Amino acid sequence: MTEVRDAGPRERVRVRPKFSLLSNALASILLGTTPVFGVVYWFAASRGGLEFAVLAHAGVVVVGLLLLWRQLRVFCAVTDTELIGNGIFTPLVRVPLADIGEVLLVPTYLGAAPDPVLQLLVTDGSGRRVFRMRGNFWHRADLRTLAAALPVPTEHVTEPMALTDFFRSYPGSAYWFENRRPMQVAIVTVTLLLVLAAAVAIMVALDLPVRFL
């Protein structure tokens, strides 16, 4: 939610991602690992290799907790001189308020979702993206509050558009992983192969038959 800070003389507005992202991530870790490792423990108890199963489970939990810790540190804020913010996998970005040329709030459709999601796009004087916040991670009201705190009047786009049209209308607004279908397919494929390799490694370590090899 939005935090308007009076105690800090420099930071005027700070917003944080939707809390549902954190709860969903925690639920995914619990629901995703518990059944899998329950089966692993059951086999390991009778066939040996329990120590390996515990270490593998501990490693997954540690990675999940690190991601949760990082999620808790995500924020965006406006100070007297800068627009700052970070992501889970990105470092802190600092944009001097003097460099901001345009601030836009654009409703976009994500996939087949019926309701539009708000995009906050901040560009410099040459129209280059310097900051962007996606409404699927941030509260709509927080995006409006943050935009209103910037020194440039906000342009409100009233007509929702498809995400592809958004990228076409505002060149350079896409992140490196967006609007690139082959790359997205490749990332999903590599992820599935890594999961499969991990499953095979655990089965081999527990001396289980690998039927699909």
N, C-alpha and C. Protein backbone atom coordinates (compact mmCIF):
# COMPACT_ATOMS: atom_id res chain seq x y z
N MET A 1 0.83 -1.18 0.00
CA MET A 1 0.00 0.00 0.00
C MET A 1 0.88 1.25 0.00
N THR A 2 0.26 2.40 -0.24
CA THR A 2 1.00 3.64 -0.31
C THR A 2 1.39 4.10 1.09
N GLU A 3 2.63 4.57 1.20
CA GLU A 3 3.09 5.14 2.45
C GLU A 3 3.55 6.57 2.16
N VAL A 4 2.86 7.56 2.73
CA VAL A 4 3.27 8.95 2.61
C VAL A 4 4.04 9.30 3.86
N ARG A 5 5.33 9.57 3.71
CA ARG A 5 6.21 9.71 4.85
C ARG A 5 6.49 11.18 5.14
N ASP A 6 6.20 11.58 6.38
CA ASP A 6 6.49 12.93 6.82
C ASP A 6 7.81 12.98 7.58
N ALA A 7 8.20 11.82 8.18
CA ALA A 7 9.40 11.80 9.00
C ALA A 7 10.65 11.96 8.15
N GLY A 8 10.68 11.32 7.00
CA GLY A 8 11.85 11.42 6.14
C GLY A 8 11.79 12.69 5.30
N PRO A 9 12.76 13.60 5.44
CA PRO A 9 12.68 14.87 4.72
C PRO A 9 12.85 14.72 3.22
N ARG A 10 13.50 13.63 2.77
CA ARG A 10 13.79 13.49 1.35
C ARG A 10 12.74 12.63 0.63
N GLU A 11 12.34 11.54 1.26
CA GLU A 11 11.41 10.62 0.60
C GLU A 11 9.98 11.05 0.86
N ARG A 12 9.26 11.33 -0.22
CA ARG A 12 7.89 11.84 -0.08
C ARG A 12 6.84 10.76 -0.22
N VAL A 13 7.01 9.85 -1.16
CA VAL A 13 6.03 8.79 -1.40
C VAL A 13 6.77 7.48 -1.62
N ARG A 14 6.28 6.42 -1.01
CA ARG A 14 6.85 5.09 -1.22
C ARG A 14 5.71 4.10 -1.41
N VAL A 15 5.81 3.24 -2.41
CA VAL A 15 4.80 2.22 -2.64
C VAL A 15 5.47 0.87 -2.71
N ARG A 16 4.71 -0.16 -2.36
CA ARG A 16 5.21 -1.53 -2.38
C ARG A 16 4.28 -2.40 -3.23
N PRO A 17 4.80 -3.53 -3.73
CA PRO A 17 3.97 -4.40 -4.57
C PRO A 17 2.77 -4.95 -3.82
N LYS A 18 1.86 -5.53 -4.56
CA LYS A 18 0.69 -6.16 -3.97
C LYS A 18 1.11 -7.25 -2.99
N PHE A 19 0.49 -7.28 -1.82
CA PHE A 19 0.82 -8.29 -0.82
C PHE A 19 0.44 -9.68 -1.31
N SER A 20 -0.53 -9.76 -2.21
CA SER A 20 -0.96 -11.07 -2.73
C SER A 20 0.18 -11.78 -3.45
N LEU A 21 1.13 -11.02 -4.02
CA LEU A 21 2.27 -11.65 -4.68
C LEU A 21 3.10 -12.43 -3.68
N LEU A 22 3.27 -11.86 -2.49
CA LEU A 22 4.06 -12.53 -1.46
C LEU A 22 3.35 -13.77 -0.95
N SER A 23 2.05 -13.65 -0.68
CA SER A 23 1.30 -14.80 -0.18
C SER A 23 1.22 -15.90 -1.22
N ASN A 24 1.06 -15.51 -2.49
CA ASN A 24 1.01 -16.52 -3.56
C ASN A 24 2.35 -17.23 -3.72
N ALA A 25 3.44 -16.47 -3.58
CA ALA A 25 4.76 -17.09 -3.67
C ALA A 25 4.99 -18.08 -2.54
N LEU A 26 4.59 -17.69 -1.33
CA LEU A 26 4.74 -18.59 -0.18
C LEU A 26 3.90 -19.85 -0.37
N ALA A 27 2.66 -19.67 -0.83
CA ALA A 27 1.79 -20.82 -1.06
C ALA A 27 2.36 -21.73 -2.15
N SER A 28 2.96 -21.14 -3.17
CA SER A 28 3.54 -21.94 -4.25
C SER A 28 4.70 -22.78 -3.75
N ILE A 29 5.52 -22.20 -2.88
CA ILE A 29 6.66 -22.94 -2.32
C ILE A 29 6.16 -24.12 -1.49
N LEU A 30 5.16 -23.87 -0.64
CA LEU A 30 4.65 -24.93 0.23
C LEU A 30 3.92 -26.01 -0.57
N LEU A 31 3.03 -25.58 -1.45
CA LEU A 31 2.23 -26.55 -2.21
C LEU A 31 3.06 -27.26 -3.28
N GLY A 32 4.09 -26.58 -3.77
CA GLY A 32 4.89 -27.18 -4.82
C GLY A 32 5.93 -28.17 -4.32
N THR A 33 6.49 -27.90 -3.15
CA THR A 33 7.57 -28.75 -2.64
C THR A 33 7.08 -29.86 -1.72
N THR A 34 6.00 -29.63 -0.98
CA THR A 34 5.56 -30.62 0.01
C THR A 34 5.19 -31.97 -0.62
N PRO A 35 4.33 -32.02 -1.66
CA PRO A 35 4.01 -33.34 -2.25
C PRO A 35 5.22 -34.03 -2.87
N VAL A 36 6.05 -33.25 -3.58
CA VAL A 36 7.21 -33.84 -4.26
C VAL A 36 8.17 -34.45 -3.25
N PHE A 37 8.53 -33.68 -2.25
CA PHE A 37 9.50 -34.19 -1.29
C PHE A 37 8.87 -35.19 -0.32
N GLY A 38 7.54 -35.16 -0.19
CA GLY A 38 6.90 -36.21 0.58
C GLY A 38 7.13 -37.57 -0.06
N VAL A 39 6.99 -37.62 -1.39
CA VAL A 39 7.26 -38.86 -2.12
C VAL A 39 8.73 -39.24 -2.04
N VAL A 40 9.60 -38.21 -2.18
CA VAL A 40 11.04 -38.47 -2.10
C VAL A 40 11.42 -39.05 -0.74
N TYR A 41 10.87 -38.48 0.33
CA TYR A 41 11.18 -38.99 1.68
C TYR A 41 10.67 -40.42 1.85
N TRP A 42 9.51 -40.70 1.27
CA TRP A 42 8.93 -42.03 1.41
C TRP A 42 9.82 -43.08 0.75
N PHE A 43 10.32 -42.78 -0.47
CA PHE A 43 11.22 -43.70 -1.14
C PHE A 43 12.57 -43.77 -0.42
N ALA A 44 13.07 -42.60 0.03
CA ALA A 44 14.39 -42.58 0.66
C ALA A 44 14.40 -43.33 1.97
N ALA A 45 13.28 -43.33 2.69
CA ALA A 45 13.23 -44.02 3.97
C ALA A 45 13.42 -45.53 3.82
N SER A 46 12.97 -46.06 2.69
CA SER A 46 13.06 -47.51 2.48
C SER A 46 14.24 -47.93 1.62
N ARG A 47 14.77 -47.02 0.80
CA ARG A 47 15.84 -47.36 -0.13
C ARG A 47 17.17 -46.69 0.21
N GLY A 48 17.18 -45.81 1.18
CA GLY A 48 18.40 -45.09 1.53
C GLY A 48 18.49 -43.76 0.80
N GLY A 49 19.47 -42.97 1.18
CA GLY A 49 19.64 -41.66 0.55
C GLY A 49 18.81 -40.57 1.20
N LEU A 50 18.42 -40.79 2.47
CA LEU A 50 17.60 -39.79 3.15
C LEU A 50 18.35 -38.48 3.33
N GLU A 51 19.67 -38.58 3.57
CA GLU A 51 20.47 -37.38 3.76
C GLU A 51 20.43 -36.51 2.50
N PHE A 52 20.53 -37.15 1.34
CA PHE A 52 20.50 -36.41 0.07
C PHE A 52 19.15 -35.73 -0.11
N ALA A 53 18.07 -36.42 0.24
CA ALA A 53 16.74 -35.85 0.11
C ALA A 53 16.57 -34.63 1.01
N VAL A 54 17.10 -34.72 2.23
CA VAL A 54 17.00 -33.59 3.17
C VAL A 54 17.79 -32.39 2.65
N LEU A 55 19.00 -32.65 2.12
CA LEU A 55 19.81 -31.56 1.59
C LEU A 55 19.14 -30.90 0.38
N ALA A 56 18.56 -31.72 -0.50
CA ALA A 56 17.87 -31.17 -1.67
C ALA A 56 16.67 -30.33 -1.25
N HIS A 57 15.91 -30.83 -0.29
CA HIS A 57 14.75 -30.09 0.21
C HIS A 57 15.18 -28.79 0.86
N ALA A 58 16.25 -28.85 1.67
CA ALA A 58 16.75 -27.64 2.33
C ALA A 58 17.21 -26.61 1.30
N GLY A 59 17.85 -27.08 0.22
CA GLY A 59 18.30 -26.16 -0.81
C GLY A 59 17.14 -25.45 -1.49
N VAL A 60 16.08 -26.18 -1.78
CA VAL A 60 14.90 -25.58 -2.42
C VAL A 60 14.25 -24.56 -1.49
N VAL A 61 14.15 -24.91 -0.20
CA VAL A 61 13.53 -24.00 0.77
C VAL A 61 14.37 -22.73 0.92
N VAL A 62 15.68 -22.87 0.95
CA VAL A 62 16.55 -21.70 1.09
C VAL A 62 16.40 -20.77 -0.10
N VAL A 63 16.37 -21.33 -1.30
CA VAL A 63 16.17 -20.52 -2.50
C VAL A 63 14.83 -19.79 -2.44
N GLY A 64 13.79 -20.51 -2.03
CA GLY A 64 12.47 -19.90 -1.91
C GLY A 64 12.45 -18.77 -0.89
N LEU A 65 13.10 -18.97 0.26
CA LEU A 65 13.15 -17.93 1.29
C LEU A 65 13.95 -16.72 0.83
N LEU A 66 15.00 -16.95 0.06
CA LEU A 66 15.77 -15.83 -0.48
C LEU A 66 14.92 -15.00 -1.44
N LEU A 67 14.12 -15.67 -2.25
CA LEU A 67 13.23 -14.95 -3.16
C LEU A 67 12.17 -14.16 -2.38
N LEU A 68 11.66 -14.75 -1.31
CA LEU A 68 10.69 -14.04 -0.48
C LEU A 68 11.33 -12.83 0.18
N TRP A 69 12.56 -13.00 0.67
CA TRP A 69 13.28 -11.88 1.30
C TRP A 69 13.49 -10.76 0.29
N ARG A 70 13.84 -11.14 -0.93
CA ARG A 70 14.05 -10.14 -1.97
C ARG A 70 12.74 -9.43 -2.30
N GLN A 71 11.64 -10.18 -2.31
CA GLN A 71 10.33 -9.60 -2.60
C GLN A 71 9.97 -8.54 -1.56
N LEU A 72 10.33 -8.79 -0.30
CA LEU A 72 10.03 -7.84 0.77
C LEU A 72 10.80 -6.53 0.61
N ARG A 73 11.86 -6.55 -0.15
CA ARG A 73 12.70 -5.36 -0.33
C ARG A 73 12.37 -4.57 -1.60
N VAL A 74 11.37 -5.04 -2.34
CA VAL A 74 10.97 -4.34 -3.57
C VAL A 74 10.12 -3.12 -3.20
N PHE A 75 10.42 -1.99 -3.82
CA PHE A 75 9.65 -0.77 -3.58
C PHE A 75 9.91 0.22 -4.71
N CYS A 76 9.09 1.24 -4.78
CA CYS A 76 9.32 2.40 -5.64
C CYS A 76 9.00 3.63 -4.81
N ALA A 77 9.74 4.71 -5.04
CA ALA A 77 9.56 5.90 -4.22
C ALA A 77 9.92 7.14 -5.00
N VAL A 78 9.38 8.26 -4.54
CA VAL A 78 9.72 9.58 -5.07
C VAL A 78 10.32 10.39 -3.93
N THR A 79 11.54 10.87 -4.14
CA THR A 79 12.18 11.76 -3.17
C THR A 79 12.12 13.18 -3.71
N ASP A 80 12.79 14.09 -3.02
CA ASP A 80 12.82 15.47 -3.48
C ASP A 80 13.59 15.64 -4.78
N THR A 81 14.43 14.65 -5.11
CA THR A 81 15.29 14.80 -6.29
C THR A 81 15.21 13.65 -7.27
N GLU A 82 14.68 12.48 -6.85
CA GLU A 82 14.76 11.29 -7.68
C GLU A 82 13.49 10.46 -7.64
N LEU A 83 13.31 9.68 -8.71
CA LEU A 83 12.37 8.57 -8.74
C LEU A 83 13.20 7.30 -8.65
N ILE A 84 12.97 6.49 -7.64
CA ILE A 84 13.80 5.32 -7.42
C ILE A 84 12.91 4.07 -7.27
N GLY A 85 13.50 2.92 -7.57
CA GLY A 85 12.77 1.67 -7.41
C GLY A 85 13.62 0.49 -7.82
N ASN A 86 13.20 -0.68 -7.41
CA ASN A 86 13.92 -1.91 -7.75
C ASN A 86 12.91 -3.03 -7.98
N GLY A 87 13.41 -4.14 -8.52
CA GLY A 87 12.61 -5.34 -8.71
C GLY A 87 13.24 -6.51 -7.98
N ILE A 88 12.63 -7.68 -8.12
CA ILE A 88 13.18 -8.86 -7.45
C ILE A 88 14.56 -9.19 -8.00
N PHE A 89 14.71 -9.10 -9.31
CA PHE A 89 15.97 -9.49 -9.94
C PHE A 89 16.73 -8.30 -10.53
N THR A 90 16.30 -7.10 -10.21
CA THR A 90 16.96 -5.92 -10.77
C THR A 90 17.49 -5.03 -9.65
N PRO A 91 18.59 -4.35 -9.88
CA PRO A 91 19.14 -3.44 -8.87
C PRO A 91 18.32 -2.17 -8.77
N LEU A 92 18.68 -1.34 -7.84
CA LEU A 92 17.98 -0.07 -7.63
C LEU A 92 18.20 0.86 -8.82
N VAL A 93 17.11 1.39 -9.36
CA VAL A 93 17.16 2.34 -10.46
C VAL A 93 16.89 3.73 -9.91
N ARG A 94 17.70 4.69 -10.33
CA ARG A 94 17.54 6.07 -9.89
C ARG A 94 17.36 6.97 -11.10
N VAL A 95 16.27 7.71 -11.13
CA VAL A 95 15.99 8.63 -12.22
C VAL A 95 15.87 10.04 -11.63
N PRO A 96 16.77 10.94 -11.95
CA PRO A 96 16.63 12.32 -11.48
C PRO A 96 15.31 12.93 -11.97
N LEU A 97 14.63 13.62 -11.09
CA LEU A 97 13.35 14.22 -11.48
C LEU A 97 13.53 15.22 -12.62
N ALA A 98 14.70 15.83 -12.68
CA ALA A 98 14.96 16.81 -13.73
C ALA A 98 15.04 16.16 -15.11
N ASP A 99 15.29 14.85 -15.17
CA ASP A 99 15.42 14.15 -16.45
C ASP A 99 14.09 13.64 -16.99
N ILE A 100 13.02 13.73 -16.20
CA ILE A 100 11.72 13.19 -16.61
C ILE A 100 11.07 14.13 -17.62
N GLY A 101 10.70 13.57 -18.77
CA GLY A 101 10.06 14.37 -19.81
C GLY A 101 8.57 14.14 -19.91
N GLU A 102 8.12 12.90 -19.63
CA GLU A 102 6.70 12.56 -19.78
C GLU A 102 6.34 11.44 -18.82
N VAL A 103 5.13 11.51 -18.28
CA VAL A 103 4.58 10.49 -17.39
C VAL A 103 3.23 10.06 -17.94
N LEU A 104 3.09 8.76 -18.20
CA LEU A 104 1.85 8.25 -18.78
C LEU A 104 1.29 7.12 -17.94
N LEU A 105 -0.03 7.08 -17.85
CA LEU A 105 -0.76 5.96 -17.27
C LEU A 105 -1.61 5.36 -18.38
N VAL A 106 -1.28 4.12 -18.77
CA VAL A 106 -1.89 3.51 -19.93
C VAL A 106 -2.55 2.19 -19.52
N PRO A 107 -3.86 2.03 -19.71
CA PRO A 107 -4.51 0.74 -19.44
C PRO A 107 -4.24 -0.25 -20.57
N THR A 108 -3.85 -1.46 -20.22
CA THR A 108 -3.53 -2.47 -21.24
C THR A 108 -4.20 -3.79 -20.88
N TYR A 109 -4.47 -4.57 -21.91
CA TYR A 109 -5.02 -5.91 -21.72
C TYR A 109 -3.86 -6.91 -21.74
N LEU A 110 -3.83 -7.77 -20.71
CA LEU A 110 -2.81 -8.82 -20.64
C LEU A 110 -3.43 -10.15 -21.02
N GLY A 111 -3.03 -10.69 -22.17
CA GLY A 111 -3.58 -11.96 -22.60
C GLY A 111 -5.08 -11.88 -22.82
N ALA A 112 -5.79 -12.88 -22.26
CA ALA A 112 -7.24 -12.94 -22.42
C ALA A 112 -7.99 -12.36 -21.22
N ALA A 113 -7.27 -11.70 -20.32
CA ALA A 113 -7.92 -11.12 -19.14
C ALA A 113 -8.91 -10.04 -19.56
N PRO A 114 -10.14 -10.05 -18.98
CA PRO A 114 -11.16 -9.09 -19.42
C PRO A 114 -10.92 -7.68 -18.91
N ASP A 115 -10.22 -7.54 -17.77
CA ASP A 115 -10.03 -6.23 -17.17
C ASP A 115 -8.65 -5.69 -17.52
N PRO A 116 -8.56 -4.42 -17.90
CA PRO A 116 -7.26 -3.85 -18.25
C PRO A 116 -6.38 -3.64 -17.02
N VAL A 117 -5.09 -3.69 -17.26
CA VAL A 117 -4.09 -3.48 -16.22
C VAL A 117 -3.37 -2.18 -16.53
N LEU A 118 -3.18 -1.35 -15.51
CA LEU A 118 -2.58 -0.05 -15.71
C LEU A 118 -1.06 -0.16 -15.81
N GLN A 119 -0.48 0.58 -16.74
CA GLN A 119 0.96 0.66 -16.91
C GLN A 119 1.40 2.10 -16.62
N LEU A 120 2.40 2.25 -15.75
CA LEU A 120 3.00 3.57 -15.52
C LEU A 120 4.29 3.63 -16.32
N LEU A 121 4.35 4.56 -17.26
CA LEU A 121 5.52 4.70 -18.12
C LEU A 121 6.09 6.10 -17.95
N VAL A 122 7.38 6.15 -17.62
CA VAL A 122 8.08 7.43 -17.46
C VAL A 122 9.19 7.49 -18.49
N THR A 123 9.21 8.56 -19.28
CA THR A 123 10.23 8.71 -20.32
C THR A 123 11.03 9.99 -20.07
N ASP A 124 12.20 10.07 -20.72
CA ASP A 124 13.00 11.29 -20.62
C ASP A 124 12.62 12.25 -21.74
N GLY A 125 13.40 13.30 -21.90
CA GLY A 125 13.07 14.31 -22.89
C GLY A 125 13.09 13.82 -24.31
N SER A 126 13.83 12.74 -24.59
CA SER A 126 13.90 12.18 -25.93
C SER A 126 12.89 11.08 -26.17
N GLY A 127 12.04 10.79 -25.18
CA GLY A 127 11.03 9.74 -25.32
C GLY A 127 11.51 8.36 -24.95
N ARG A 128 12.71 8.23 -24.41
CA ARG A 128 13.25 6.93 -24.03
C ARG A 128 12.73 6.52 -22.66
N ARG A 129 12.33 5.24 -22.53
CA ARG A 129 11.85 4.76 -21.24
C ARG A 129 12.96 4.81 -20.20
N VAL A 130 12.64 5.44 -19.07
CA VAL A 130 13.57 5.45 -17.95
C VAL A 130 13.01 4.74 -16.73
N PHE A 131 11.68 4.49 -16.74
CA PHE A 131 11.05 3.84 -15.58
C PHE A 131 9.69 3.33 -16.04
N ARG A 132 9.36 2.11 -15.57
CA ARG A 132 8.06 1.55 -15.90
C ARG A 132 7.60 0.65 -14.78
N MET A 133 6.31 0.72 -14.46
CA MET A 133 5.72 -0.12 -13.43
C MET A 133 4.49 -0.79 -14.02
N ARG A 134 4.39 -2.09 -13.83
CA ARG A 134 3.28 -2.87 -14.40
C ARG A 134 2.21 -3.12 -13.35
N GLY A 135 0.97 -2.84 -13.73
CA GLY A 135 -0.14 -2.90 -12.79
C GLY A 135 -0.48 -4.28 -12.27
N ASN A 136 0.05 -5.33 -12.91
CA ASN A 136 -0.20 -6.67 -12.37
C ASN A 136 0.63 -6.93 -11.12
N PHE A 137 1.58 -6.04 -10.82
CA PHE A 137 2.38 -6.18 -9.60
C PHE A 137 2.11 -5.07 -8.58
N TRP A 138 1.50 -3.98 -9.03
CA TRP A 138 1.30 -2.82 -8.16
C TRP A 138 -0.17 -2.44 -8.11
N HIS A 139 -0.59 -1.87 -6.99
CA HIS A 139 -1.97 -1.40 -6.87
C HIS A 139 -2.19 -0.20 -7.78
N ARG A 140 -3.36 -0.18 -8.40
CA ARG A 140 -3.71 0.92 -9.31
C ARG A 140 -3.63 2.27 -8.60
N ALA A 141 -4.15 2.34 -7.39
CA ALA A 141 -4.13 3.60 -6.65
C ALA A 141 -2.70 4.04 -6.35
N ASP A 142 -1.81 3.08 -6.09
CA ASP A 142 -0.42 3.42 -5.81
C ASP A 142 0.27 3.99 -7.05
N LEU A 143 -0.05 3.43 -8.22
CA LEU A 143 0.52 3.96 -9.45
C LEU A 143 0.08 5.40 -9.67
N ARG A 144 -1.16 5.68 -9.40
CA ARG A 144 -1.65 7.05 -9.57
C ARG A 144 -1.00 7.99 -8.55
N THR A 145 -0.84 7.52 -7.33
CA THR A 145 -0.21 8.34 -6.30
C THR A 145 1.24 8.66 -6.66
N LEU A 146 1.96 7.65 -7.12
CA LEU A 146 3.35 7.85 -7.49
C LEU A 146 3.46 8.81 -8.68
N ALA A 147 2.59 8.62 -9.68
CA ALA A 147 2.62 9.50 -10.85
C ALA A 147 2.32 10.94 -10.46
N ALA A 148 1.37 11.14 -9.54
CA ALA A 148 1.00 12.49 -9.12
C ALA A 148 2.13 13.18 -8.36
N ALA A 149 3.04 12.40 -7.76
CA ALA A 149 4.14 12.97 -7.00
C ALA A 149 5.30 13.43 -7.89
N LEU A 150 5.26 13.08 -9.17
CA LEU A 150 6.32 13.46 -10.10
C LEU A 150 6.09 14.89 -10.59
N PRO A 151 7.15 15.58 -10.99
CA PRO A 151 7.03 17.01 -11.33
C PRO A 151 6.39 17.29 -12.68
N VAL A 152 6.13 16.24 -13.47
CA VAL A 152 5.54 16.41 -14.80
C VAL A 152 4.08 15.99 -14.76
N PRO A 153 3.17 16.76 -15.33
CA PRO A 153 1.74 16.37 -15.35
C PRO A 153 1.56 15.00 -15.99
N THR A 154 0.69 14.20 -15.40
CA THR A 154 0.46 12.85 -15.90
C THR A 154 -0.51 12.86 -17.06
N GLU A 155 -0.16 12.13 -18.12
CA GLU A 155 -1.07 11.95 -19.25
C GLU A 155 -1.83 10.64 -19.05
N HIS A 156 -3.15 10.73 -18.93
CA HIS A 156 -3.99 9.57 -18.70
C HIS A 156 -4.58 9.10 -20.04
N VAL A 157 -4.19 7.93 -20.47
CA VAL A 157 -4.76 7.33 -21.68
C VAL A 157 -6.04 6.62 -21.29
N THR A 158 -7.14 6.98 -21.88
CA THR A 158 -8.44 6.45 -21.46
C THR A 158 -8.82 5.15 -22.15
N GLU A 159 -8.38 4.96 -23.39
CA GLU A 159 -8.79 3.78 -24.15
C GLU A 159 -7.80 2.64 -23.92
N PRO A 160 -8.25 1.51 -23.34
CA PRO A 160 -7.34 0.37 -23.13
C PRO A 160 -6.85 -0.18 -24.46
N MET A 161 -5.65 -0.72 -24.45
CA MET A 161 -5.05 -1.29 -25.66
C MET A 161 -4.38 -2.61 -25.33
N ALA A 162 -4.21 -3.44 -26.34
CA ALA A 162 -3.48 -4.69 -26.17
C ALA A 162 -2.02 -4.38 -25.86
N LEU A 163 -1.37 -5.32 -25.19
CA LEU A 163 0.01 -5.08 -24.79
C LEU A 163 0.91 -4.91 -26.01
N THR A 164 0.63 -5.64 -27.08
CA THR A 164 1.43 -5.48 -28.30
C THR A 164 1.26 -4.07 -28.89
N ASP A 165 0.05 -3.53 -28.80
CA ASP A 165 -0.18 -2.16 -29.27
C ASP A 165 0.53 -1.16 -28.36
N PHE A 166 0.60 -1.46 -27.07
CA PHE A 166 1.32 -0.60 -26.13
C PHE A 166 2.79 -0.51 -26.51
N PHE A 167 3.40 -1.67 -26.79
CA PHE A 167 4.81 -1.68 -27.19
C PHE A 167 5.01 -0.97 -28.52
N ARG A 168 4.03 -1.09 -29.41
CA ARG A 168 4.14 -0.44 -30.71
C ARG A 168 3.96 1.08 -30.59
N SER A 169 3.06 1.49 -29.71
CA SER A 169 2.80 2.92 -29.54
C SER A 169 3.92 3.62 -28.79
N TYR A 170 4.59 2.87 -27.90
CA TYR A 170 5.67 3.46 -27.10
C TYR A 170 6.92 2.60 -27.28
N PRO A 171 7.64 2.81 -28.36
CA PRO A 171 8.85 2.01 -28.64
C PRO A 171 9.87 2.11 -27.51
N GLY A 172 10.45 0.97 -27.20
CA GLY A 172 11.44 0.93 -26.13
C GLY A 172 10.86 0.74 -24.74
N SER A 173 9.53 0.65 -24.64
CA SER A 173 8.90 0.48 -23.33
C SER A 173 8.99 -0.96 -22.82
N ALA A 174 9.19 -1.92 -23.72
CA ALA A 174 9.23 -3.33 -23.33
C ALA A 174 10.53 -3.66 -22.64
N TYR A 175 10.46 -4.52 -21.62
CA TYR A 175 11.66 -5.07 -21.01
C TYR A 175 12.27 -6.10 -21.96
N TRP A 176 13.49 -6.53 -21.66
CA TRP A 176 14.21 -7.41 -22.58
C TRP A 176 13.49 -8.74 -22.82
N PHE A 177 12.68 -9.18 -21.85
CA PHE A 177 12.03 -10.48 -21.96
C PHE A 177 10.60 -10.36 -22.49
N GLU A 178 10.12 -9.15 -22.73
CA GLU A 178 8.76 -8.96 -23.22
C GLU A 178 8.74 -8.82 -24.74
N ASN A 179 7.58 -9.15 -25.31
CA ASN A 179 7.35 -8.97 -26.74
C ASN A 179 8.35 -9.76 -27.58
N ARG A 180 8.86 -10.85 -27.01
CA ARG A 180 9.81 -11.71 -27.73
C ARG A 180 9.38 -13.15 -27.53
N ARG A 181 8.45 -13.60 -28.36
CA ARG A 181 7.86 -14.93 -28.21
C ARG A 181 8.89 -16.05 -28.27
N PRO A 182 9.83 -16.06 -29.22
CA PRO A 182 10.82 -17.14 -29.25
C PRO A 182 11.64 -17.23 -27.97
N MET A 183 12.01 -16.07 -27.41
CA MET A 183 12.78 -16.09 -26.17
C MET A 183 11.97 -16.66 -25.02
N GLN A 184 10.69 -16.30 -24.95
CA GLN A 184 9.83 -16.81 -23.89
C GLN A 184 9.68 -18.32 -23.99
N VAL A 185 9.51 -18.83 -25.21
CA VAL A 185 9.41 -20.28 -25.41
C VAL A 185 10.71 -20.96 -25.00
N ALA A 186 11.83 -20.35 -25.35
CA ALA A 186 13.13 -20.93 -25.00
C ALA A 186 13.33 -20.98 -23.49
N ILE A 187 12.92 -19.92 -22.79
CA ILE A 187 13.07 -19.88 -21.33
C ILE A 187 12.23 -20.97 -20.68
N VAL A 188 10.98 -21.12 -21.14
CA VAL A 188 10.10 -22.16 -20.58
C VAL A 188 10.67 -23.55 -20.86
N THR A 189 11.19 -23.75 -22.06
CA THR A 189 11.76 -25.05 -22.42
C THR A 189 12.97 -25.39 -21.56
N VAL A 190 13.86 -24.43 -21.40
CA VAL A 190 15.06 -24.65 -20.57
C VAL A 190 14.66 -24.93 -19.13
N THR A 191 13.67 -24.20 -18.62
CA THR A 191 13.22 -24.42 -17.24
C THR A 191 12.68 -25.83 -17.04
N LEU A 192 11.86 -26.29 -17.99
CA LEU A 192 11.31 -27.64 -17.91
C LEU A 192 12.42 -28.69 -17.98
N LEU A 193 13.41 -28.47 -18.83
CA LEU A 193 14.53 -29.41 -18.93
C LEU A 193 15.33 -29.46 -17.63
N LEU A 194 15.51 -28.31 -17.00
CA LEU A 194 16.24 -28.28 -15.73
C LEU A 194 15.46 -29.02 -14.64
N VAL A 195 14.14 -28.84 -14.63
CA VAL A 195 13.31 -29.56 -13.65
C VAL A 195 13.38 -31.05 -13.90
N LEU A 196 13.33 -31.45 -15.16
CA LEU A 196 13.43 -32.86 -15.50
C LEU A 196 14.79 -33.43 -15.10
N ALA A 197 15.85 -32.68 -15.34
CA ALA A 197 17.18 -33.14 -14.96
C ALA A 197 17.31 -33.29 -13.45
N ALA A 198 16.73 -32.36 -12.71
CA ALA A 198 16.77 -32.46 -11.25
C ALA A 198 16.00 -33.69 -10.76
N ALA A 199 14.84 -33.96 -11.39
CA ALA A 199 14.06 -35.14 -11.01
C ALA A 199 14.83 -36.43 -11.29
N VAL A 200 15.50 -36.48 -12.45
CA VAL A 200 16.29 -37.67 -12.79
C VAL A 200 17.44 -37.84 -11.82
N ALA A 201 18.09 -36.74 -11.45
CA ALA A 201 19.21 -36.82 -10.52
C ALA A 201 18.78 -37.38 -9.17
N ILE A 202 17.62 -36.92 -8.70
CA ILE A 202 17.11 -37.42 -7.41
C ILE A 202 16.76 -38.89 -7.52
N MET A 203 16.13 -39.31 -8.61
CA MET A 203 15.75 -40.71 -8.79
C MET A 203 16.99 -41.60 -8.88
N VAL A 204 18.01 -41.15 -9.58
CA VAL A 204 19.24 -41.93 -9.67
C VAL A 204 19.91 -42.04 -8.32
N ALA A 205 19.94 -40.93 -7.56
CA ALA A 205 20.57 -40.94 -6.24
C ALA A 205 19.86 -41.90 -5.29
N LEU A 206 18.54 -42.03 -5.46
CA LEU A 206 17.77 -42.93 -4.60
C LEU A 206 17.66 -44.33 -5.19
N ASP A 207 18.37 -44.57 -6.28
CA ASP A 207 18.38 -45.89 -6.92
C ASP A 207 16.99 -46.30 -7.37
N LEU A 208 16.25 -45.33 -7.90
CA LEU A 208 14.91 -45.61 -8.41
C LEU A 208 14.98 -45.86 -9.92
N PRO A 209 14.13 -46.70 -10.46
CA PRO A 209 14.14 -46.93 -11.92
C PRO A 209 13.64 -45.71 -12.66
N VAL A 210 14.39 -45.30 -13.66
CA VAL A 210 14.00 -44.15 -14.49
C VAL A 210 13.39 -44.73 -15.76
N ARG A 211 12.08 -44.81 -15.82
CA ARG A 211 11.40 -45.54 -16.87
C ARG A 211 11.46 -44.86 -18.22
N PHE A 212 11.56 -43.49 -18.21
CA PHE A 212 11.47 -42.78 -19.48
C PHE A 212 12.82 -42.61 -20.16
N LEU A 213 13.90 -43.17 -19.60
CA LEU A 213 15.22 -43.09 -20.23
C LEU A 213 15.52 -44.39 -20.96
